[in-house]
Amino acid sequence: MLSILLLSMGCDPVKAASDAAPEPIDARPAPTCENYCATIQASCTDVPQYPSEQACVAYCKDFGKIPIGAAEDMSGNTVGCRTYHATVAVLQNNQALHCPHAGPSGGDVCGSWCENYCYLAQLNCTGSNQLFADEQTCLDACAQMPANGHANDESGDTIQCRIHFLGLANTEPPGSQTMFCPVGEVPATAPCTGAPPAP
């Protein structure tokens, strides 16, 4: 009936359909720590980034307080970026590449090494445990640090090792800042000393 009506009006129904506005595509839902952590735990089975989904949620919300960002993020220190890379790790069958990007350090994609390091230093090392006067001082110091480690390293004189321990500096046990903030200092403090471990 619609085709007959369009023809009677001198309209080509095929052309009319092709000229119609495309159906809107729903935006992806805003990222959350819960969705991010469920995704990364399901996707990064060969290259795990967190010991459990609960540990991931605790880091995302409390210890690392990762900024939420947007669902469209493909870079930057955000939950949105990490969720994207956790998702494509499976879609592209490349956990080795994408899972470190989706992990707590951001893998130099979801925030640069220095961006993540300084964010954690300013967030988790405060008061008498403060490492830098301000973010720019931190970024200047970070630029001099070796970056030849790997995401989640627990030893080695590298920015990656320092990021790992600064992420622990806001954990539950009393005194965690006192314990872990000095590990993030420049120059190196044990265990972030010596050569980085083999990948």
C-alpha atoms as a PDB file:
ATOM      1  CA  MET A   1       0.000   0.000   0.000  1.00  0.00           C
ATOM      2  CA  LEU A   2       2.810   2.416   0.853  1.00  0.00           C
ATOM      3  CA  SER A   3       4.469   1.737  -2.522  1.00  0.00           C
ATOM      4  CA  ILE A   4       1.212   2.445  -4.381  1.00  0.00           C
ATOM      5  CA  LEU A   5       0.736   5.666  -2.425  1.00  0.00           C
ATOM      6  CA  LEU A   6       4.281   6.820  -3.180  1.00  0.00           C
ATOM      7  CA  LEU A   7       3.884   6.034  -6.898  1.00  0.00           C
ATOM      8  CA  SER A   8       0.593   7.940  -7.016  1.00  0.00           C
ATOM      9  CA  MET A   9       2.484  10.908  -5.586  1.00  0.00           C
ATOM     10  CA  GLY A  10       5.165  10.595  -8.240  1.00  0.00           C
ATOM     11  CA  CYS A  11       7.747   9.175  -5.833  1.00  0.00           C
ATOM     12  CA  ASP A  12       9.991   6.200  -6.408  1.00  0.00           C
ATOM     13  CA  PRO A  13       9.513   4.001  -3.286  1.00  0.00           C
ATOM     14  CA  VAL A  14      13.023   2.506  -3.622  1.00  0.00           C
ATOM     15  CA  LYS A  15      14.634   5.949  -3.808  1.00  0.00           C
ATOM     16  CA  ALA A  16      12.436   7.195  -0.959  1.00  0.00           C
ATOM     17  CA  ALA A  17      13.632   4.348   1.213  1.00  0.00           C
ATOM     18  CA  SER A  18      17.285   5.000   0.342  1.00  0.00           C
ATOM     19  CA  ASP A  19      16.909   8.707   1.133  1.00  0.00           C
ATOM     20  CA  ALA A  20      15.436   8.004   4.558  1.00  0.00           C
ATOM     21  CA  ALA A  21      17.603   8.872   7.554  1.00  0.00           C
ATOM     22  CA  PRO A  22      19.448   5.822   8.948  1.00  0.00           C
ATOM     23  CA  GLU A  23      18.216   4.297  12.136  1.00  0.00           C
ATOM     24  CA  PRO A  24      20.047   5.809  15.121  1.00  0.00           C
ATOM     25  CA  ILE A  25      22.598   3.531  16.733  1.00  0.00           C
ATOM     26  CA  ASP A  26      22.364   3.382  20.491  1.00  0.00           C
ATOM     27  CA  ALA A  27      25.492   4.627  22.224  1.00  0.00           C
ATOM     28  CA  ARG A  28      27.362   2.103  24.284  1.00  0.00           C
ATOM     29  CA  PRO A  29      26.466   2.321  27.969  1.00  0.00           C
ATOM     30  CA  ALA A  30      28.628   4.456  30.194  1.00  0.00           C
ATOM     31  CA  PRO A  31      31.557   2.418  31.547  1.00  0.00           C
ATOM     32  CA  THR A  32      31.542   1.152  35.110  1.00  0.00           C
ATOM     33  CA  CYS A  33      34.142  -0.580  37.237  1.00  0.00           C
ATOM     34  CA  GLU A  34      31.896  -3.633  37.516  1.00  0.00           C
ATOM     35  CA  ASN A  35      31.496  -4.036  33.758  1.00  0.00           C
ATOM     36  CA  TYR A  36      35.176  -3.344  33.138  1.00  0.00           C
ATOM     37  CA  CYS A  37      36.277  -5.930  35.668  1.00  0.00           C
ATOM     38  CA  ALA A  38      33.880  -8.604  34.430  1.00  0.00           C
ATOM     39  CA  THR A  39      35.144  -7.970  30.890  1.00  0.00           C
ATOM     40  CA  ILE A  40      38.861  -8.048  31.649  1.00  0.00           C
ATOM     41  CA  GLN A  41      38.584 -11.174  33.799  1.00  0.00           C
ATOM     42  CA  ALA A  42      36.704 -12.977  31.020  1.00  0.00           C
ATOM     43  CA  SER A  43      38.968 -11.690  28.235  1.00  0.00           C
ATOM     44  CA  CYS A  44      42.475 -11.779  29.687  1.00  0.00           C
ATOM     45  CA  THR A  45      42.723 -15.385  30.782  1.00  0.00           C
ATOM     46  CA  ASP A  46      46.167 -15.963  29.253  1.00  0.00           C
ATOM     47  CA  VAL A  47      47.570 -12.560  30.269  1.00  0.00           C
ATOM     48  CA  PRO A  48      45.800 -11.838  33.587  1.00  0.00           C
ATOM     49  CA  GLN A  49      45.962  -8.354  35.027  1.00  0.00           C
ATOM     50  CA  TYR A  50      44.209  -8.851  38.376  1.00  0.00           C
ATOM     51  CA  PRO A  51      44.097 -11.854  40.733  1.00  0.00           C
ATOM     52  CA  SER A  52      40.288 -11.764  40.791  1.00  0.00           C
ATOM     53  CA  GLU A  53      37.279  -9.759  39.671  1.00  0.00           C
ATOM     54  CA  GLN A  54      36.830  -8.501  43.236  1.00  0.00           C
ATOM     55  CA  ALA A  55      40.441  -7.284  43.335  1.00  0.00           C
ATOM     56  CA  CYS A  56      39.870  -5.472  40.044  1.00  0.00           C
ATOM     57  CA  VAL A  57      36.761  -3.698  41.339  1.00  0.00           C
ATOM     58  CA  ALA A  58      38.584  -2.700  44.527  1.00  0.00           C
ATOM     59  CA  TYR A  59      41.478  -1.268  42.500  1.00  0.00           C
ATOM     60  CA  CYS A  60      39.202   0.492  40.028  1.00  0.00           C
ATOM     61  CA  LYS A  61      36.995   2.092  42.674  1.00  0.00           C
ATOM     62  CA  ASP A  62      39.195   2.523  45.720  1.00  0.00           C
ATOM     63  CA  PHE A  63      42.936   1.933  45.379  1.00  0.00           C
ATOM     64  CA  GLY A  64      43.537   3.333  41.899  1.00  0.00           C
ATOM     65  CA  LYS A  65      40.313   5.360  41.567  1.00  0.00           C
ATOM     66  CA  ILE A  66      40.516   5.086  37.779  1.00  0.00           C
ATOM     67  CA  PRO A  67      38.620   7.971  36.137  1.00  0.00           C
ATOM     68  CA  ILE A  68      35.493   6.655  34.389  1.00  0.00           C
ATOM     69  CA  GLY A  69      35.870   8.509  31.078  1.00  0.00           C
ATOM     70  CA  ALA A  70      33.577   7.623  28.171  1.00  0.00           C
ATOM     71  CA  ALA A  71      32.539   4.425  26.429  1.00  0.00           C
ATOM     72  CA  GLU A  72      34.187   5.660  23.222  1.00  0.00           C
ATOM     73  CA  ASP A  73      37.643   6.045  24.805  1.00  0.00           C
ATOM     74  CA  MET A  74      40.436   4.163  23.053  1.00  0.00           C
ATOM     75  CA  SER A  75      43.240   5.979  24.892  1.00  0.00           C
ATOM     76  CA  GLY A  76      43.662   7.931  28.112  1.00  0.00           C
ATOM     77  CA  ASN A  77      43.699   6.929  31.770  1.00  0.00           C
ATOM     78  CA  THR A  78      40.038   5.881  31.975  1.00  0.00           C
ATOM     79  CA  VAL A  79      37.811   2.917  32.686  1.00  0.00           C
ATOM     80  CA  GLY A  80      36.303   3.400  29.237  1.00  0.00           C
ATOM     81  CA  CYS A  81      39.659   2.921  27.545  1.00  0.00           C
ATOM     82  CA  ARG A  82      40.482  -0.161  29.594  1.00  0.00           C
ATOM     83  CA  THR A  83      37.078  -1.690  28.860  1.00  0.00           C
ATOM     84  CA  TYR A  84      37.605  -1.131  25.143  1.00  0.00           C
ATOM     85  CA  HIS A  85      40.984  -2.878  25.140  1.00  0.00           C
ATOM     86  CA  ALA A  86      39.692  -5.730  27.298  1.00  0.00           C
ATOM     87  CA  THR A  87      36.948  -6.210  24.730  1.00  0.00           C
ATOM     88  CA  VAL A  88      39.144  -6.128  21.614  1.00  0.00           C
ATOM     89  CA  ALA A  89      41.646  -8.486  23.263  1.00  0.00           C
ATOM     90  CA  VAL A  90      39.126 -11.224  22.465  1.00  0.00           C
ATOM     91  CA  LEU A  91      37.692  -9.772  19.263  1.00  0.00           C
ATOM     92  CA  GLN A  92      41.172  -9.494  17.740  1.00  0.00           C
ATOM     93  CA  ASN A  93      42.473 -12.637  19.460  1.00  0.00           C
ATOM     94  CA  ASN A  94      45.429 -10.653  20.800  1.00  0.00           C
ATOM     95  CA  GLN A  95      45.574 -10.774  24.587  1.00  0.00           C
ATOM     96  CA  ALA A  96      49.315 -10.146  24.628  1.00  0.00           C
ATOM     97  CA  LEU A  97      48.837  -6.728  23.040  1.00  0.00           C
ATOM     98  CA  HIS A  98      45.589  -5.476  24.532  1.00  0.00           C
ATOM     99  CA  CYS A  99      45.413  -6.927  28.045  1.00  0.00           C
ATOM    100  CA  PRO A 100      48.317  -4.792  29.388  1.00  0.00           C
ATOM    101  CA  HIS A 101      46.526  -1.743  27.944  1.00  0.00           C
ATOM    102  CA  ALA A 102      43.405  -2.811  29.831  1.00  0.00           C
ATOM    103  CA  GLY A 103      45.280  -3.457  33.082  1.00  0.00           C
ATOM    104  CA  PRO A 104      45.893  -1.176  36.049  1.00  0.00           C
ATOM    105  CA  SER A 105      48.971   0.514  34.546  1.00  0.00           C
ATOM    106  CA  GLY A 106      47.246   1.320  31.262  1.00  0.00           C
ATOM    107  CA  GLY A 107      50.130  -0.231  29.328  1.00  0.00           C
ATOM    108  CA  ASP A 108      51.234   3.170  27.951  1.00  0.00           C
ATOM    109  CA  VAL A 109      47.989   3.358  25.923  1.00  0.00           C
ATOM    110  CA  CYS A 110      45.228   3.922  28.478  1.00  0.00           C
ATOM    111  CA  GLY A 111      47.259   6.807  29.799  1.00  0.00           C
ATOM    112  CA  SER A 112      50.986   7.144  29.323  1.00  0.00           C
ATOM    113  CA  TRP A 113      53.329   5.533  31.839  1.00  0.00           C
ATOM    114  CA  CYS A 114      54.014   8.953  33.373  1.00  0.00           C
ATOM    115  CA  GLU A 115      50.364   9.984  33.373  1.00  0.00           C
ATOM    116  CA  ASN A 116      49.417   6.885  35.350  1.00  0.00           C
ATOM    117  CA  TYR A 117      52.447   7.137  37.636  1.00  0.00           C
ATOM    118  CA  CYS A 118      51.808  10.759  38.540  1.00  0.00           C
ATOM    119  CA  TYR A 119      48.080  10.240  38.936  1.00  0.00           C
ATOM    120  CA  LEU A 120      48.743   7.503  41.506  1.00  0.00           C
ATOM    121  CA  ALA A 121      51.510   9.466  43.212  1.00  0.00           C
ATOM    122  CA  GLN A 122      49.239  12.468  43.721  1.00  0.00           C
ATOM    123  CA  LEU A 123      46.238  10.317  44.673  1.00  0.00           C
ATOM    124  CA  ASN A 124      47.786   7.818  47.059  1.00  0.00           C
ATOM    125  CA  CYS A 125      50.860   9.493  48.551  1.00  0.00           C
ATOM    126  CA  THR A 126      49.730  12.432  50.632  1.00  0.00           C
ATOM    127  CA  GLY A 127      50.748  14.302  53.760  1.00  0.00           C
ATOM    128  CA  SER A 128      54.063  13.110  55.129  1.00  0.00           C
ATOM    129  CA  ASN A 129      54.194  10.515  52.337  1.00  0.00           C
ATOM    130  CA  GLN A 130      53.891  13.063  49.525  1.00  0.00           C
ATOM    131  CA  LEU A 131      56.415  12.381  46.757  1.00  0.00           C
ATOM    132  CA  PHE A 132      56.101  15.514  44.604  1.00  0.00           C
ATOM    133  CA  ALA A 133      55.030  19.096  45.172  1.00  0.00           C
ATOM    134  CA  ASP A 134      52.743  19.044  42.135  1.00  0.00           C
ATOM    135  CA  GLU A 135      51.936  17.099  38.987  1.00  0.00           C
ATOM    136  CA  GLN A 136      54.425  18.929  36.773  1.00  0.00           C
ATOM    137  CA  THR A 137      57.293  18.205  39.157  1.00  0.00           C
ATOM    138  CA  CYS A 138      56.256  14.563  39.035  1.00  0.00           C
ATOM    139  CA  LEU A 139      56.065  14.501  35.233  1.00  0.00           C
ATOM    140  CA  ASP A 140      59.536  16.053  34.994  1.00  0.00           C
ATOM    141  CA  ALA A 141      60.967  13.408  37.322  1.00  0.00           C
ATOM    142  CA  CYS A 142      59.106  10.622  35.558  1.00  0.00           C
ATOM    143  CA  ALA A 143      60.584  11.607  32.205  1.00  0.00           C
ATOM    144  CA  GLN A 144      64.020  10.640  33.560  1.00  0.00           C
ATOM    145  CA  MET A 145      62.966   7.165  34.726  1.00  0.00           C
ATOM    146  CA  PRO A 146      63.713   3.992  32.748  1.00  0.00           C
ATOM    147  CA  ALA A 147      60.589   2.721  30.975  1.00  0.00           C
ATOM    148  CA  ASN A 148      61.996  -0.616  29.834  1.00  0.00           C
ATOM    149  CA  GLY A 149      59.927  -2.725  32.207  1.00  0.00           C
ATOM    150  CA  HIS A 150      56.585  -4.413  31.707  1.00  0.00           C
ATOM    151  CA  ALA A 151      53.094  -3.786  33.000  1.00  0.00           C
ATOM    152  CA  ASN A 152      52.630  -5.156  36.544  1.00  0.00           C
ATOM    153  CA  ASP A 153      56.366  -5.637  37.212  1.00  0.00           C
ATOM    154  CA  GLU A 154      57.140  -6.042  40.920  1.00  0.00           C
ATOM    155  CA  SER A 155      60.883  -5.381  40.634  1.00  0.00           C
ATOM    156  CA  GLY A 156      63.345  -3.462  38.487  1.00  0.00           C
ATOM    157  CA  ASP A 157      64.367   0.200  38.399  1.00  0.00           C
ATOM    158  CA  THR A 158      61.532   1.165  36.075  1.00  0.00           C
ATOM    159  CA  ILE A 159      58.431   3.315  35.912  1.00  0.00           C
ATOM    160  CA  GLN A 160      56.348   0.152  35.542  1.00  0.00           C
ATOM    161  CA  CYS A 161      57.485  -1.208  38.914  1.00  0.00           C
ATOM    162  CA  ARG A 162      56.761   2.108  40.605  1.00  0.00           C
ATOM    163  CA  ILE A 163      53.253   2.236  39.106  1.00  0.00           C
ATOM    164  CA  HIS A 164      52.545  -1.207  40.512  1.00  0.00           C
ATOM    165  CA  PHE A 165      53.474  -0.267  44.064  1.00  0.00           C
ATOM    166  CA  LEU A 166      51.880   3.183  44.020  1.00  0.00           C
ATOM    167  CA  GLY A 167      48.649   1.421  43.115  1.00  0.00           C
ATOM    168  CA  LEU A 168      48.951  -0.487  46.415  1.00  0.00           C
ATOM    169  CA  ALA A 169      49.587   2.617  48.491  1.00  0.00           C
ATOM    170  CA  ASN A 170      45.914   3.224  49.206  1.00  0.00           C
ATOM    171  CA  THR A 171      44.982  -0.318  50.190  1.00  0.00           C
ATOM    172  CA  GLU A 172      43.198  -1.283  53.375  1.00  0.00           C
ATOM    173  CA  PRO A 173      46.022  -2.218  55.792  1.00  0.00           C
ATOM    174  CA  PRO A 174      47.009   0.746  57.985  1.00  0.00           C
ATOM    175  CA  GLY A 175      50.364   2.157  56.992  1.00  0.00           C
ATOM    176  CA  SER A 176      50.112   1.179  53.331  1.00  0.00           C
ATOM    177  CA  GLN A 177      51.202   4.668  52.233  1.00  0.00           C
ATOM    178  CA  THR A 178      54.213   4.514  54.514  1.00  0.00           C
ATOM    179  CA  MET A 179      55.051   1.075  53.158  1.00  0.00           C
ATOM    180  CA  PHE A 180      54.545   1.584  49.428  1.00  0.00           C
ATOM    181  CA  CYS A 181      55.012   5.295  48.641  1.00  0.00           C
ATOM    182  CA  PRO A 182      58.799   5.204  49.219  1.00  0.00           C
ATOM    183  CA  VAL A 183      59.017   2.430  46.600  1.00  0.00           C
ATOM    184  CA  GLY A 184      57.755   4.940  44.048  1.00  0.00           C
ATOM    185  CA  GLU A 185      60.433   7.516  44.810  1.00  0.00           C
ATOM    186  CA  VAL A 186      63.256   8.706  42.586  1.00  0.00           C
ATOM    187  CA  PRO A 187      65.995   7.475  42.869  1.00  0.00           C
ATOM    188  CA  ALA A 188      65.111   3.825  43.051  1.00  0.00           C
ATOM    189  CA  THR A 189      64.087   2.147  46.297  1.00  0.00           C
ATOM    190  CA  ALA A 190      63.811  -1.610  46.789  1.00  0.00           C
ATOM    191  CA  PRO A 191      62.133  -3.601  45.362  1.00  0.00           C
ATOM    192  CA  CYS A 192      62.116  -1.263  42.355  1.00  0.00           C
ATOM    193  CA  THR A 193      65.853  -1.646  41.881  1.00  0.00           C
ATOM    194  CA  GLY A 194      68.082  -3.471  39.451  1.00  0.00           C
ATOM    195  CA  ALA A 195      67.201  -4.773  36.016  1.00  0.00           C
ATOM    196  CA  PRO A 196      63.555  -5.443  35.150  1.00  0.00           C
ATOM    197  CA  PRO A 197      62.477  -9.085  35.086  1.00  0.00           C
ATOM    198  CA  ALA A 198      62.210 -10.954  31.825  1.00  0.00           C
ATOM    199  CA  PRO A 199      58.759 -10.720  30.215  1.00  0.00           C
END
